[in-house]
């Protein structure tokens, strides 16, 4: 697929590395586990949203925007990367922060990603959980226009067809690395939340003839809701890149049994997974997305749902800055 026809700005360090994790693989007794290092995309400590923002910000520049409006949870990795991208491109950034976590600690409210948002000079506005954010962002856009500015709205997670183009490209990049390194993966595992990463990967793989199974580990919604969200976005994205129908409903799998009490709420399995990857491989994963996805993958391995002689690739979506906000929740034993 040709992505060169879409407006794009270079923000990410690409391609990201594909690394084998020998100590983790041995500890778990197989399969062979690999990691796709999208935590190393470079922008503001990196993460998966940078790939998406290359296309979102490209479109924003094309429209003549001078102010970016976006939304996310208080400890949003997406907001942090969007605020940094706005700085890099000389734009203002208006942020709507949603309070999704009950009884947040002082660390959660002020450290980690929030601290970085403030360093990047984003204007932070706080809202209650469940706010109609489409309407709220439209209101802010009207304010900006009234003041003579030109706003551009980036949805949460940059998860619309334009943002998902970043992960169409990632799917193609992964296939190229597999050819170059002569690796044949049996499964790809990723966190699935706002849906853009999962949907883009599905289009990038299926649109290029790959039948590599994608397992999304949900972080915020029930399975039926999440799968429908991903499938609908995959269909829209496939149409955008000229590959309508390349993704079937059966291609979209989201296991949402590892969310725990709710979005952003720590779990014992997440805590174990984050410490395991840190102490066996020196890798940092976040508590909200990649940590829960890791917990799901590890549970699948322990239950024998992946063959011991298979090769699994885990997409690392970044977010380690969030660890600081959860320091008082992590059981550091």
C-alpha atoms as a PDB file:
ATOM      1  CA  UNK A   1       0.000   0.000   0.000  1.00  0.00           C
ATOM      2  CA  UNK A   2       1.209   3.498  -0.794  1.00  0.00           C
ATOM      3  CA  UNK A   3       1.023   5.862   2.170  1.00  0.00           C
ATOM      4  CA  UNK A   4       2.996   8.568   0.360  1.00  0.00           C
ATOM      5  CA  UNK A   5      -0.190  10.140  -0.985  1.00  0.00           C
ATOM      6  CA  UNK A   6      -1.224  11.248   2.527  1.00  0.00           C
ATOM      7  CA  UNK A   7       0.172  14.378   4.207  1.00  0.00           C
ATOM      8  CA  UNK A   8       2.759  13.374   6.790  1.00  0.00           C
ATOM      9  CA  UNK A   9       5.414  14.981   8.970  1.00  0.00           C
ATOM     10  CA  UNK A  10       8.495  13.090  10.219  1.00  0.00           C
ATOM     11  CA  UNK A  11       8.211  12.708  13.998  1.00  0.00           C
ATOM     12  CA  UNK A  12       9.224   9.091  14.728  1.00  0.00           C
ATOM     13  CA  UNK A  13      12.530   7.238  14.679  1.00  0.00           C
ATOM     14  CA  UNK A  14      11.719   4.485  12.201  1.00  0.00           C
ATOM     15  CA  UNK A  15      11.969   1.595  11.735  1.00  0.00           C
ATOM     16  CA  UNK A  16      11.764   0.563  15.376  1.00  0.00           C
ATOM     17  CA  UNK A  17      13.820  -2.429  16.412  1.00  0.00           C
ATOM     18  CA  UNK A  18      12.622  -6.001  16.560  1.00  0.00           C
ATOM     19  CA  UNK A  19      14.315  -7.680  19.529  1.00  0.00           C
ATOM     20  CA  UNK A  20      14.382 -11.237  20.852  1.00  0.00           C
ATOM     21  CA  UNK A  21      13.881 -11.629  24.625  1.00  0.00           C
ATOM     22  CA  UNK A  22      15.960 -14.696  25.544  1.00  0.00           C
ATOM     23  CA  UNK A  23      15.783 -14.493  29.338  1.00  0.00           C
ATOM     24  CA  UNK A  24      12.016 -13.963  29.393  1.00  0.00           C
ATOM     25  CA  UNK A  25      11.500 -16.781  26.901  1.00  0.00           C
ATOM     26  CA  UNK A  26      13.594 -19.146  29.033  1.00  0.00           C
ATOM     27  CA  UNK A  27      11.874 -18.070  32.244  1.00  0.00           C
ATOM     28  CA  UNK A  28       8.441 -18.786  30.782  1.00  0.00           C
ATOM     29  CA  UNK A  29       9.583 -22.072  29.236  1.00  0.00           C
ATOM     30  CA  UNK A  30       8.748 -21.061  25.664  1.00  0.00           C
ATOM     31  CA  UNK A  31       7.529 -19.837  23.235  1.00  0.00           C
ATOM     32  CA  UNK A  32      10.218 -17.529  21.847  1.00  0.00           C
ATOM     33  CA  UNK A  33       9.110 -14.000  22.700  1.00  0.00           C
ATOM     34  CA  UNK A  34      10.116 -10.961  20.648  1.00  0.00           C
ATOM     35  CA  UNK A  35       9.304  -7.290  21.144  1.00  0.00           C
ATOM     36  CA  UNK A  36       8.637  -4.621  18.524  1.00  0.00           C
ATOM     37  CA  UNK A  37      10.129  -1.519  20.155  1.00  0.00           C
ATOM     38  CA  UNK A  38       7.562   1.165  19.459  1.00  0.00           C
ATOM     39  CA  UNK A  39       8.492   2.584  22.834  1.00  0.00           C
ATOM     40  CA  UNK A  40      11.540   3.895  20.972  1.00  0.00           C
ATOM     41  CA  UNK A  41       9.815   6.160  18.456  1.00  0.00           C
ATOM     42  CA  UNK A  42      11.694   9.079  20.006  1.00  0.00           C
ATOM     43  CA  UNK A  43       9.148  11.851  20.547  1.00  0.00           C
ATOM     44  CA  UNK A  44       8.842  12.877  24.210  1.00  0.00           C
ATOM     45  CA  UNK A  45      10.098   9.461  25.471  1.00  0.00           C
ATOM     46  CA  UNK A  46       8.370   7.687  22.557  1.00  0.00           C
ATOM     47  CA  UNK A  47       5.349   5.468  22.181  1.00  0.00           C
ATOM     48  CA  UNK A  48       2.863   4.233  19.622  1.00  0.00           C
ATOM     49  CA  UNK A  49       0.990   7.521  19.227  1.00  0.00           C
ATOM     50  CA  UNK A  50       3.955   9.102  17.440  1.00  0.00           C
ATOM     51  CA  UNK A  51       3.377   6.982  14.327  1.00  0.00           C
ATOM     52  CA  UNK A  52      -0.246   8.117  14.262  1.00  0.00           C
ATOM     53  CA  UNK A  53       0.628  11.756  14.852  1.00  0.00           C
ATOM     54  CA  UNK A  54       2.849  11.813  11.772  1.00  0.00           C
ATOM     55  CA  UNK A  55      -0.349  11.611   9.724  1.00  0.00           C
ATOM     56  CA  UNK A  56      -2.651  13.583  12.039  1.00  0.00           C
ATOM     57  CA  UNK A  57      -0.220  16.485  12.279  1.00  0.00           C
ATOM     58  CA  UNK A  58       0.474  16.251   8.561  1.00  0.00           C
ATOM     59  CA  UNK A  59      -3.206  16.804   7.889  1.00  0.00           C
ATOM     60  CA  UNK A  60      -3.316  19.588  10.494  1.00  0.00           C
ATOM     61  CA  UNK A  61      -0.518  21.451   8.718  1.00  0.00           C
ATOM     62  CA  UNK A  62      -2.223  20.949   5.373  1.00  0.00           C
ATOM     63  CA  UNK A  63      -5.360  22.643   6.727  1.00  0.00           C
ATOM     64  CA  UNK A  64      -3.342  25.598   8.042  1.00  0.00           C
ATOM     65  CA  UNK A  65      -4.021  24.832  11.703  1.00  0.00           C
ATOM     66  CA  UNK A  66      -2.181  26.735  14.425  1.00  0.00           C
ATOM     67  CA  UNK A  67      -3.791  25.051  17.447  1.00  0.00           C
ATOM     68  CA  UNK A  68      -4.209  21.352  18.209  1.00  0.00           C
ATOM     69  CA  UNK A  69      -7.081  20.167  20.398  1.00  0.00           C
ATOM     70  CA  UNK A  70      -7.017  16.668  21.863  1.00  0.00           C
ATOM     71  CA  UNK A  71      -8.328  14.571  24.720  1.00  0.00           C
ATOM     72  CA  UNK A  72      -7.107  11.776  26.984  1.00  0.00           C
ATOM     73  CA  UNK A  73      -7.086  10.419  30.506  1.00  0.00           C
ATOM     74  CA  UNK A  74      -5.052  12.323  33.085  1.00  0.00           C
ATOM     75  CA  UNK A  75      -2.023  10.067  32.512  1.00  0.00           C
ATOM     76  CA  UNK A  76      -2.505   9.881  28.743  1.00  0.00           C
ATOM     77  CA  UNK A  77       0.531   8.851  26.694  1.00  0.00           C
ATOM     78  CA  UNK A  78      -1.253  10.236  23.637  1.00  0.00           C
ATOM     79  CA  UNK A  79      -1.639  13.692  25.165  1.00  0.00           C
ATOM     80  CA  UNK A  80       2.047  13.802  26.094  1.00  0.00           C
ATOM     81  CA  UNK A  81       3.162  12.956  22.552  1.00  0.00           C
ATOM     82  CA  UNK A  82       0.614  15.322  20.987  1.00  0.00           C
ATOM     83  CA  UNK A  83       1.782  18.206  23.173  1.00  0.00           C
ATOM     84  CA  UNK A  84       5.378  17.508  22.146  1.00  0.00           C
ATOM     85  CA  UNK A  85       4.462  17.286  18.459  1.00  0.00           C
ATOM     86  CA  UNK A  86       2.674  20.634  18.699  1.00  0.00           C
ATOM     87  CA  UNK A  87       5.817  22.194  20.176  1.00  0.00           C
ATOM     88  CA  UNK A  88       7.980  20.706  17.427  1.00  0.00           C
ATOM     89  CA  UNK A  89       5.690  22.169  14.755  1.00  0.00           C
ATOM     90  CA  UNK A  90       5.207  25.569  16.393  1.00  0.00           C
ATOM     91  CA  UNK A  91       1.553  25.052  17.336  1.00  0.00           C
ATOM     92  CA  UNK A  92      -0.470  25.675  20.470  1.00  0.00           C
ATOM     93  CA  UNK A  93      -2.041  22.680  22.213  1.00  0.00           C
ATOM     94  CA  UNK A  94      -5.350  22.589  24.060  1.00  0.00           C
ATOM     95  CA  UNK A  95      -5.834  19.428  26.144  1.00  0.00           C
ATOM     96  CA  UNK A  96      -8.975  18.002  27.711  1.00  0.00           C
ATOM     97  CA  UNK A  97      -7.996  15.646  30.546  1.00  0.00           C
ATOM     98  CA  UNK A  98     -10.611  13.129  31.661  1.00  0.00           C
ATOM     99  CA  UNK A  99     -10.620  11.946  35.284  1.00  0.00           C
ATOM    100  CA  UNK A 100     -11.179   8.216  34.695  1.00  0.00           C
ATOM    101  CA  UNK A 101      -9.438   6.867  37.815  1.00  0.00           C
ATOM    102  CA  UNK A 102     -11.320   6.934  41.124  1.00  0.00           C
ATOM    103  CA  UNK A 103      -9.527   8.561  44.067  1.00  0.00           C
ATOM    104  CA  UNK A 104      -6.315   9.466  42.221  1.00  0.00           C
ATOM    105  CA  UNK A 105      -3.199  10.053  44.299  1.00  0.00           C
ATOM    106  CA  UNK A 106      -1.181  13.261  44.267  1.00  0.00           C
ATOM    107  CA  UNK A 107       1.455  11.459  42.208  1.00  0.00           C
ATOM    108  CA  UNK A 108      -1.136  10.435  39.631  1.00  0.00           C
ATOM    109  CA  UNK A 109      -2.485  13.957  39.297  1.00  0.00           C
ATOM    110  CA  UNK A 110       0.839  15.759  38.970  1.00  0.00           C
ATOM    111  CA  UNK A 111       3.728  13.509  37.923  1.00  0.00           C
ATOM    112  CA  UNK A 112       4.485  11.254  34.972  1.00  0.00           C
ATOM    113  CA  UNK A 113       2.749  12.310  31.774  1.00  0.00           C
ATOM    114  CA  UNK A 114       1.023  15.303  33.401  1.00  0.00           C
ATOM    115  CA  UNK A 115       4.371  16.791  34.362  1.00  0.00           C
ATOM    116  CA  UNK A 116       5.578  16.380  30.791  1.00  0.00           C
ATOM    117  CA  UNK A 117       2.372  17.941  29.418  1.00  0.00           C
ATOM    118  CA  UNK A 118       3.095  21.009  31.516  1.00  0.00           C
ATOM    119  CA  UNK A 119       6.739  21.086  30.463  1.00  0.00           C
ATOM    120  CA  UNK A 120       5.566  21.162  26.840  1.00  0.00           C
ATOM    121  CA  UNK A 121       3.334  24.128  27.655  1.00  0.00           C
ATOM    122  CA  UNK A 122      -0.013  22.499  26.854  1.00  0.00           C
ATOM    123  CA  UNK A 123      -3.093  24.233  28.226  1.00  0.00           C
ATOM    124  CA  UNK A 124      -4.694  21.565  30.422  1.00  0.00           C
ATOM    125  CA  UNK A 125      -8.438  21.585  31.077  1.00  0.00           C
ATOM    126  CA  UNK A 126      -9.882  18.994  33.467  1.00  0.00           C
ATOM    127  CA  UNK A 127     -13.210  17.207  32.980  1.00  0.00           C
ATOM    128  CA  UNK A 128     -15.272  14.581  34.773  1.00  0.00           C
ATOM    129  CA  UNK A 129     -15.414  11.011  33.549  1.00  0.00           C
ATOM    130  CA  UNK A 130     -18.057  10.475  30.902  1.00  0.00           C
ATOM    131  CA  UNK A 131     -18.075  14.035  29.537  1.00  0.00           C
ATOM    132  CA  UNK A 132     -19.228  14.391  25.922  1.00  0.00           C
ATOM    133  CA  UNK A 133     -15.768  15.168  24.599  1.00  0.00           C
ATOM    134  CA  UNK A 134     -16.768  15.556  20.972  1.00  0.00           C
ATOM    135  CA  UNK A 135     -19.021  18.426  22.005  1.00  0.00           C
ATOM    136  CA  UNK A 136     -16.428  19.825  24.414  1.00  0.00           C
ATOM    137  CA  UNK A 137     -13.701  19.848  21.762  1.00  0.00           C
ATOM    138  CA  UNK A 138     -16.077  21.498  19.277  1.00  0.00           C
ATOM    139  CA  UNK A 139     -16.751  24.245  21.831  1.00  0.00           C
ATOM    140  CA  UNK A 140     -13.037  24.878  22.271  1.00  0.00           C
ATOM    141  CA  UNK A 141     -12.578  24.913  18.504  1.00  0.00           C
ATOM    142  CA  UNK A 142     -15.272  27.592  18.287  1.00  0.00           C
ATOM    143  CA  UNK A 143     -13.428  29.633  20.952  1.00  0.00           C
ATOM    144  CA  UNK A 144     -10.214  29.429  18.962  1.00  0.00           C
ATOM    145  CA  UNK A 145     -11.902  30.473  15.723  1.00  0.00           C
ATOM    146  CA  UNK A 146     -13.555  33.398  17.514  1.00  0.00           C
ATOM    147  CA  UNK A 147     -10.076  34.546  18.587  1.00  0.00           C
ATOM    148  CA  UNK A 148      -8.802  34.331  15.011  1.00  0.00           C
ATOM    149  CA  UNK A 149      -7.064  30.960  15.316  1.00  0.00           C
ATOM    150  CA  UNK A 150      -7.344  27.811  13.214  1.00  0.00           C
ATOM    151  CA  UNK A 151      -7.982  24.669  15.279  1.00  0.00           C
ATOM    152  CA  UNK A 152      -7.484  21.023  14.359  1.00  0.00           C
ATOM    153  CA  UNK A 153      -9.006  18.276  16.494  1.00  0.00           C
ATOM    154  CA  UNK A 154      -7.036  15.076  17.076  1.00  0.00           C
ATOM    155  CA  UNK A 155      -9.369  12.464  18.639  1.00  0.00           C
ATOM    156  CA  UNK A 156      -8.333  10.455  21.686  1.00  0.00           C
ATOM    157  CA  UNK A 157      -5.392   8.222  20.843  1.00  0.00           C
ATOM    158  CA  UNK A 158      -5.329   9.759  17.343  1.00  0.00           C
ATOM    159  CA  UNK A 159      -7.618   6.824  16.636  1.00  0.00           C
ATOM    160  CA  UNK A 160      -9.412   7.703  13.445  1.00  0.00           C
ATOM    161  CA  UNK A 161      -8.637   6.520   9.887  1.00  0.00           C
ATOM    162  CA  UNK A 162      -5.967   9.211   9.436  1.00  0.00           C
ATOM    163  CA  UNK A 163      -4.157   8.297  12.657  1.00  0.00           C
ATOM    164  CA  UNK A 164      -4.513   4.569  12.004  1.00  0.00           C
ATOM    165  CA  UNK A 165      -2.400   5.033   8.866  1.00  0.00           C
ATOM    166  CA  UNK A 166       0.601   5.052  11.209  1.00  0.00           C
ATOM    167  CA  UNK A 167      -0.069   1.424  12.102  1.00  0.00           C
ATOM    168  CA  UNK A 168      -0.837   0.412   8.553  1.00  0.00           C
ATOM    169  CA  UNK A 169       2.759   1.480   8.024  1.00  0.00           C
ATOM    170  CA  UNK A 170       3.898  -0.399  11.127  1.00  0.00           C
ATOM    171  CA  UNK A 171       2.310  -3.602   9.834  1.00  0.00           C
ATOM    172  CA  UNK A 172       4.184  -3.204   6.569  1.00  0.00           C
ATOM    173  CA  UNK A 173       7.392  -2.409   8.452  1.00  0.00           C
ATOM    174  CA  UNK A 174       7.054  -5.565  10.557  1.00  0.00           C
ATOM    175  CA  UNK A 175       6.562  -7.727   7.466  1.00  0.00           C
ATOM    176  CA  UNK A 176       9.683  -6.224   5.913  1.00  0.00           C
ATOM    177  CA  UNK A 177      11.703  -6.950   9.071  1.00  0.00           C
ATOM    178  CA  UNK A 178      10.442 -10.535   9.081  1.00  0.00           C
ATOM    179  CA  UNK A 179      11.675 -10.970   5.512  1.00  0.00           C
ATOM    180  CA  UNK A 180      15.039  -9.389   6.231  1.00  0.00           C
ATOM    181  CA  UNK A 181      15.623 -11.328   9.470  1.00  0.00           C
ATOM    182  CA  UNK A 182      14.015 -14.538   8.192  1.00  0.00           C
ATOM    183  CA  UNK A 183      11.536 -14.757  11.074  1.00  0.00           C
ATOM    184  CA  UNK A 184       8.054 -16.203  10.822  1.00  0.00           C
ATOM    185  CA  UNK A 185       5.839 -15.165  13.702  1.00  0.00           C
ATOM    186  CA  UNK A 186       2.891 -17.244  14.863  1.00  0.00           C
ATOM    187  CA  UNK A 187       1.106 -14.498  16.828  1.00  0.00           C
ATOM    188  CA  UNK A 188       1.242 -10.745  17.370  1.00  0.00           C
ATOM    189  CA  UNK A 189       0.082  -9.385  20.743  1.00  0.00           C
ATOM    190  CA  UNK A 190      -0.747  -5.753  21.471  1.00  0.00           C
ATOM    191  CA  UNK A 191      -2.723  -3.626  23.886  1.00  0.00           C
ATOM    192  CA  UNK A 192      -6.035  -2.454  22.424  1.00  0.00           C
ATOM    193  CA  UNK A 193      -7.760   0.657  23.725  1.00  0.00           C
ATOM    194  CA  UNK A 194      -8.770   3.565  21.497  1.00  0.00           C
ATOM    195  CA  UNK A 195      -8.479   1.076  18.581  1.00  0.00           C
ATOM    196  CA  UNK A 196      -6.206   2.892  16.119  1.00  0.00           C
ATOM    197  CA  UNK A 197      -3.126   0.749  16.678  1.00  0.00           C
ATOM    198  CA  UNK A 198      -5.052  -2.536  16.515  1.00  0.00           C
ATOM    199  CA  UNK A 199      -7.108  -1.475  13.475  1.00  0.00           C
ATOM    200  CA  UNK A 200      -4.109  -0.106  11.595  1.00  0.00           C
ATOM    201  CA  UNK A 201      -2.104  -3.267  12.175  1.00  0.00           C
ATOM    202  CA  UNK A 202      -4.973  -5.389  10.884  1.00  0.00           C
ATOM    203  CA  UNK A 203      -5.111  -3.375   7.668  1.00  0.00           C
ATOM    204  CA  UNK A 204      -1.335  -3.259   7.280  1.00  0.00           C
ATOM    205  CA  UNK A 205      -1.053  -7.029   7.619  1.00  0.00           C
ATOM    206  CA  UNK A 206      -4.176  -8.230   5.833  1.00  0.00           C
ATOM    207  CA  UNK A 207      -3.824  -5.644   3.099  1.00  0.00           C
ATOM    208  CA  UNK A 208      -0.408  -7.090   2.328  1.00  0.00           C
ATOM    209  CA  UNK A 209      -1.567 -10.701   2.295  1.00  0.00           C
ATOM    210  CA  UNK A 210      -0.389 -11.675   5.797  1.00  0.00           C
ATOM    211  CA  UNK A 211      -2.589 -13.932   7.914  1.00  0.00           C
ATOM    212  CA  UNK A 212      -0.546 -13.355  11.112  1.00  0.00           C
ATOM    213  CA  UNK A 213      -3.086 -13.604  13.975  1.00  0.00           C
ATOM    214  CA  UNK A 214      -3.402 -10.430  16.059  1.00  0.00           C
ATOM    215  CA  UNK A 215      -4.408 -10.753  19.705  1.00  0.00           C
ATOM    216  CA  UNK A 216      -5.501  -7.494  21.269  1.00  0.00           C
ATOM    217  CA  UNK A 217      -5.506  -7.375  25.066  1.00  0.00           C
ATOM    218  CA  UNK A 218      -8.189  -4.886  26.076  1.00  0.00           C
ATOM    219  CA  UNK A 219      -7.540  -2.158  28.632  1.00  0.00           C
ATOM    220  CA  UNK A 220     -10.862  -0.339  28.971  1.00  0.00           C
ATOM    221  CA  UNK A 221     -13.960  -1.865  27.326  1.00  0.00           C
ATOM    222  CA  UNK A 222     -15.885  -5.161  27.214  1.00  0.00           C
ATOM    223  CA  UNK A 223     -14.953  -7.580  24.439  1.00  0.00           C
ATOM    224  CA  UNK A 224     -17.976  -7.023  22.196  1.00  0.00           C
ATOM    225  CA  UNK A 225     -17.623  -3.245  22.385  1.00  0.00           C
ATOM    226  CA  UNK A 226     -13.879  -3.310  21.782  1.00  0.00           C
ATOM    227  CA  UNK A 227     -13.971  -5.732  18.866  1.00  0.00           C
ATOM    228  CA  UNK A 228     -16.726  -3.785  17.131  1.00  0.00           C
ATOM    229  CA  UNK A 229     -14.807  -0.532  17.668  1.00  0.00           C
ATOM    230  CA  UNK A 230     -11.635  -1.986  16.162  1.00  0.00           C
ATOM    231  CA  UNK A 231     -13.429  -3.654  13.260  1.00  0.00           C
ATOM    232  CA  UNK A 232     -15.326  -0.516  12.267  1.00  0.00           C
ATOM    233  CA  UNK A 233     -12.163   1.567  12.323  1.00  0.00           C
ATOM    234  CA  UNK A 234     -10.263  -1.113  10.382  1.00  0.00           C
ATOM    235  CA  UNK A 235     -12.959  -1.044   7.690  1.00  0.00           C
ATOM    236  CA  UNK A 236     -12.799   2.753   7.426  1.00  0.00           C
ATOM    237  CA  UNK A 237      -8.995   2.676   7.277  1.00  0.00           C
ATOM    238  CA  UNK A 238      -8.977  -0.084   4.668  1.00  0.00           C
ATOM    239  CA  UNK A 239     -11.238   2.016   2.484  1.00  0.00           C
ATOM    240  CA  UNK A 240      -8.984   5.031   2.928  1.00  0.00           C
ATOM    241  CA  UNK A 241      -5.912   3.144   1.661  1.00  0.00           C
ATOM    242  CA  UNK A 242      -7.742   1.494  -1.211  1.00  0.00           C
ATOM    243  CA  UNK A 243      -8.040  -1.976   0.310  1.00  0.00           C
ATOM    244  CA  UNK A 244     -11.748  -2.261   1.162  1.00  0.00           C
ATOM    245  CA  UNK A 245     -12.770  -5.627   2.522  1.00  0.00           C
ATOM    246  CA  UNK A 246      -9.249  -6.789   3.346  1.00  0.00           C
ATOM    247  CA  UNK A 247     -10.131  -7.194   7.059  1.00  0.00           C
ATOM    248  CA  UNK A 248     -12.878  -9.604   8.118  1.00  0.00           C
ATOM    249  CA  UNK A 249     -14.747  -9.533  11.399  1.00  0.00           C
ATOM    250  CA  UNK A 250     -13.010 -12.789  12.391  1.00  0.00           C
ATOM    251  CA  UNK A 251      -9.627 -11.051  12.112  1.00  0.00           C
ATOM    252  CA  UNK A 252     -10.428  -8.873  15.107  1.00  0.00           C
ATOM    253  CA  UNK A 253      -9.900 -10.524  18.489  1.00  0.00           C
ATOM    254  CA  UNK A 254      -9.835  -8.630  21.784  1.00  0.00           C
ATOM    255  CA  UNK A 255      -9.451 -10.450  25.090  1.00  0.00           C
ATOM    256  CA  UNK A 256     -10.725  -8.054  27.735  1.00  0.00           C
ATOM    257  CA  UNK A 257     -10.277 -10.273  30.786  1.00  0.00           C
ATOM    258  CA  UNK A 258      -7.182  -8.474  32.066  1.00  0.00           C
ATOM    259  CA  UNK A 259      -8.619  -4.997  32.673  1.00  0.00           C
ATOM    260  CA  UNK A 260      -9.157  -5.581  36.381  1.00  0.00           C
ATOM    261  CA  UNK A 261     -11.271  -3.030  38.319  1.00  0.00           C
ATOM    262  CA  UNK A 262     -11.190  -0.578  35.403  1.00  0.00           C
ATOM    263  CA  UNK A 263      -9.147   1.568  33.049  1.00  0.00           C
ATOM    264  CA  UNK A 264      -5.914   2.700  34.651  1.00  0.00           C
ATOM    265  CA  UNK A 265      -6.542   0.684  37.813  1.00  0.00           C
ATOM    266  CA  UNK A 266      -3.515  -1.453  38.808  1.00  0.00           C
ATOM    267  CA  UNK A 267      -3.759  -5.239  38.975  1.00  0.00           C
ATOM    268  CA  UNK A 268      -1.503  -7.830  40.583  1.00  0.00           C
ATOM    269  CA  UNK A 269      -0.913  -9.478  37.188  1.00  0.00           C
ATOM    270  CA  UNK A 270       0.128  -6.158  35.652  1.00  0.00           C
ATOM    271  CA  UNK A 271       2.475  -5.513  38.550  1.00  0.00           C
ATOM    272  CA  UNK A 272       4.075  -8.947  38.128  1.00  0.00           C
ATOM    273  CA  UNK A 273       4.431  -8.463  34.365  1.00  0.00           C
ATOM    274  CA  UNK A 274       6.045  -5.028  34.641  1.00  0.00           C
ATOM    275  CA  UNK A 275       8.572  -6.258  37.221  1.00  0.00           C
ATOM    276  CA  UNK A 276       9.258  -9.452  35.245  1.00  0.00           C
ATOM    277  CA  UNK A 277      10.177  -7.554  32.072  1.00  0.00           C
ATOM    278  CA  UNK A 278      12.248  -5.040  34.004  1.00  0.00           C
ATOM    279  CA  UNK A 279      14.221  -7.682  35.906  1.00  0.00           C
ATOM    280  CA  UNK A 280      14.651 -10.250  33.147  1.00  0.00           C
ATOM    281  CA  UNK A 281      15.152  -7.942  30.157  1.00  0.00           C
ATOM    282  CA  UNK A 282      15.805  -4.431  31.485  1.00  0.00           C
ATOM    283  CA  UNK A 283      12.685  -3.142  29.708  1.00  0.00           C
ATOM    284  CA  UNK A 284      10.143  -0.700  31.125  1.00  0.00           C
ATOM    285  CA  UNK A 285       6.423  -1.056  30.415  1.00  0.00           C
ATOM    286  CA  UNK A 286       3.561   1.141  31.579  1.00  0.00           C
ATOM    287  CA  UNK A 287       0.843   0.150  34.087  1.00  0.00           C
ATOM    288  CA  UNK A 288      -2.165   1.126  31.940  1.00  0.00           C
ATOM    289  CA  UNK A 289      -1.630  -0.351  28.472  1.00  0.00           C
ATOM    290  CA  UNK A 290       1.489  -2.413  27.825  1.00  0.00           C
ATOM    291  CA  UNK A 291       1.649  -3.773  31.384  1.00  0.00           C
ATOM    292  CA  UNK A 292      -1.856  -5.235  31.200  1.00  0.00           C
ATOM    293  CA  UNK A 293      -1.230  -6.541  27.669  1.00  0.00           C
ATOM    294  CA  UNK A 294       1.925  -8.247  28.935  1.00  0.00           C
ATOM    295  CA  UNK A 295      -0.044  -9.768  31.792  1.00  0.00           C
ATOM    296  CA  UNK A 296      -2.446 -11.212  29.243  1.00  0.00           C
ATOM    297  CA  UNK A 297       0.331 -12.603  27.056  1.00  0.00           C
ATOM    298  CA  UNK A 298       2.098 -14.184  30.039  1.00  0.00           C
ATOM    299  CA  UNK A 299      -1.152 -15.789  31.178  1.00  0.00           C
ATOM    300  CA  UNK A 300      -1.726 -17.194  27.681  1.00  0.00           C
ATOM    301  CA  UNK A 301       1.779 -18.690  27.732  1.00  0.00           C
ATOM    302  CA  UNK A 302       1.321 -20.218  31.182  1.00  0.00           C
ATOM    303  CA  UNK A 303      -1.970 -21.773  30.119  1.00  0.00           C
ATOM    304  CA  UNK A 304      -0.403 -23.278  26.999  1.00  0.00           C
ATOM    305  CA  UNK A 305      -2.466 -21.189  24.582  1.00  0.00           C
ATOM    306  CA  UNK A 306       0.681 -20.492  22.562  1.00  0.00           C
ATOM    307  CA  UNK A 307       2.755 -23.496  21.439  1.00  0.00           C
ATOM    308  CA  UNK A 308       6.127 -23.748  23.175  1.00  0.00           C
ATOM    309  CA  UNK A 309       7.998 -23.912  19.860  1.00  0.00           C
ATOM    310  CA  UNK A 310       6.247 -20.861  18.409  1.00  0.00           C
ATOM    311  CA  UNK A 311       7.444 -17.272  17.951  1.00  0.00           C
ATOM    312  CA  UNK A 312       5.402 -14.454  19.474  1.00  0.00           C
ATOM    313  CA  UNK A 313       5.933 -10.739  18.826  1.00  0.00           C
ATOM    314  CA  UNK A 314       4.692  -8.240  21.393  1.00  0.00           C
ATOM    315  CA  UNK A 315       4.150  -4.674  20.207  1.00  0.00           C
ATOM    316  CA  UNK A 316       5.541  -2.375  22.898  1.00  0.00           C
ATOM    317  CA  UNK A 317       3.375   0.741  22.788  1.00  0.00           C
ATOM    318  CA  UNK A 318       5.543   2.719  25.225  1.00  0.00           C
ATOM    319  CA  UNK A 319       4.287   4.748  28.169  1.00  0.00           C
ATOM    320  CA  UNK A 320       7.022   4.214  30.766  1.00  0.00           C
ATOM    321  CA  UNK A 321       6.613   7.837  31.901  1.00  0.00           C
ATOM    322  CA  UNK A 322       3.375   6.685  33.522  1.00  0.00           C
ATOM    323  CA  UNK A 323       5.300   4.492  35.962  1.00  0.00           C
ATOM    324  CA  UNK A 324       6.168   7.566  38.015  1.00  0.00           C
ATOM    325  CA  UNK A 325       2.480   8.358  38.475  1.00  0.00           C
ATOM    326  CA  UNK A 326       1.876   4.828  39.779  1.00  0.00           C
ATOM    327  CA  UNK A 327       4.904   4.594  42.067  1.00  0.00           C
ATOM    328  CA  UNK A 328       2.751   4.287  45.174  1.00  0.00           C
ATOM    329  CA  UNK A 329       0.661   1.487  43.587  1.00  0.00           C
ATOM    330  CA  UNK A 330       3.460  -0.778  42.372  1.00  0.00           C
ATOM    331  CA  UNK A 331       4.377  -3.636  44.702  1.00  0.00           C
ATOM    332  CA  UNK A 332       8.163  -3.443  44.478  1.00  0.00           C
ATOM    333  CA  UNK A 333       9.258  -6.725  46.033  1.00  0.00           C
END
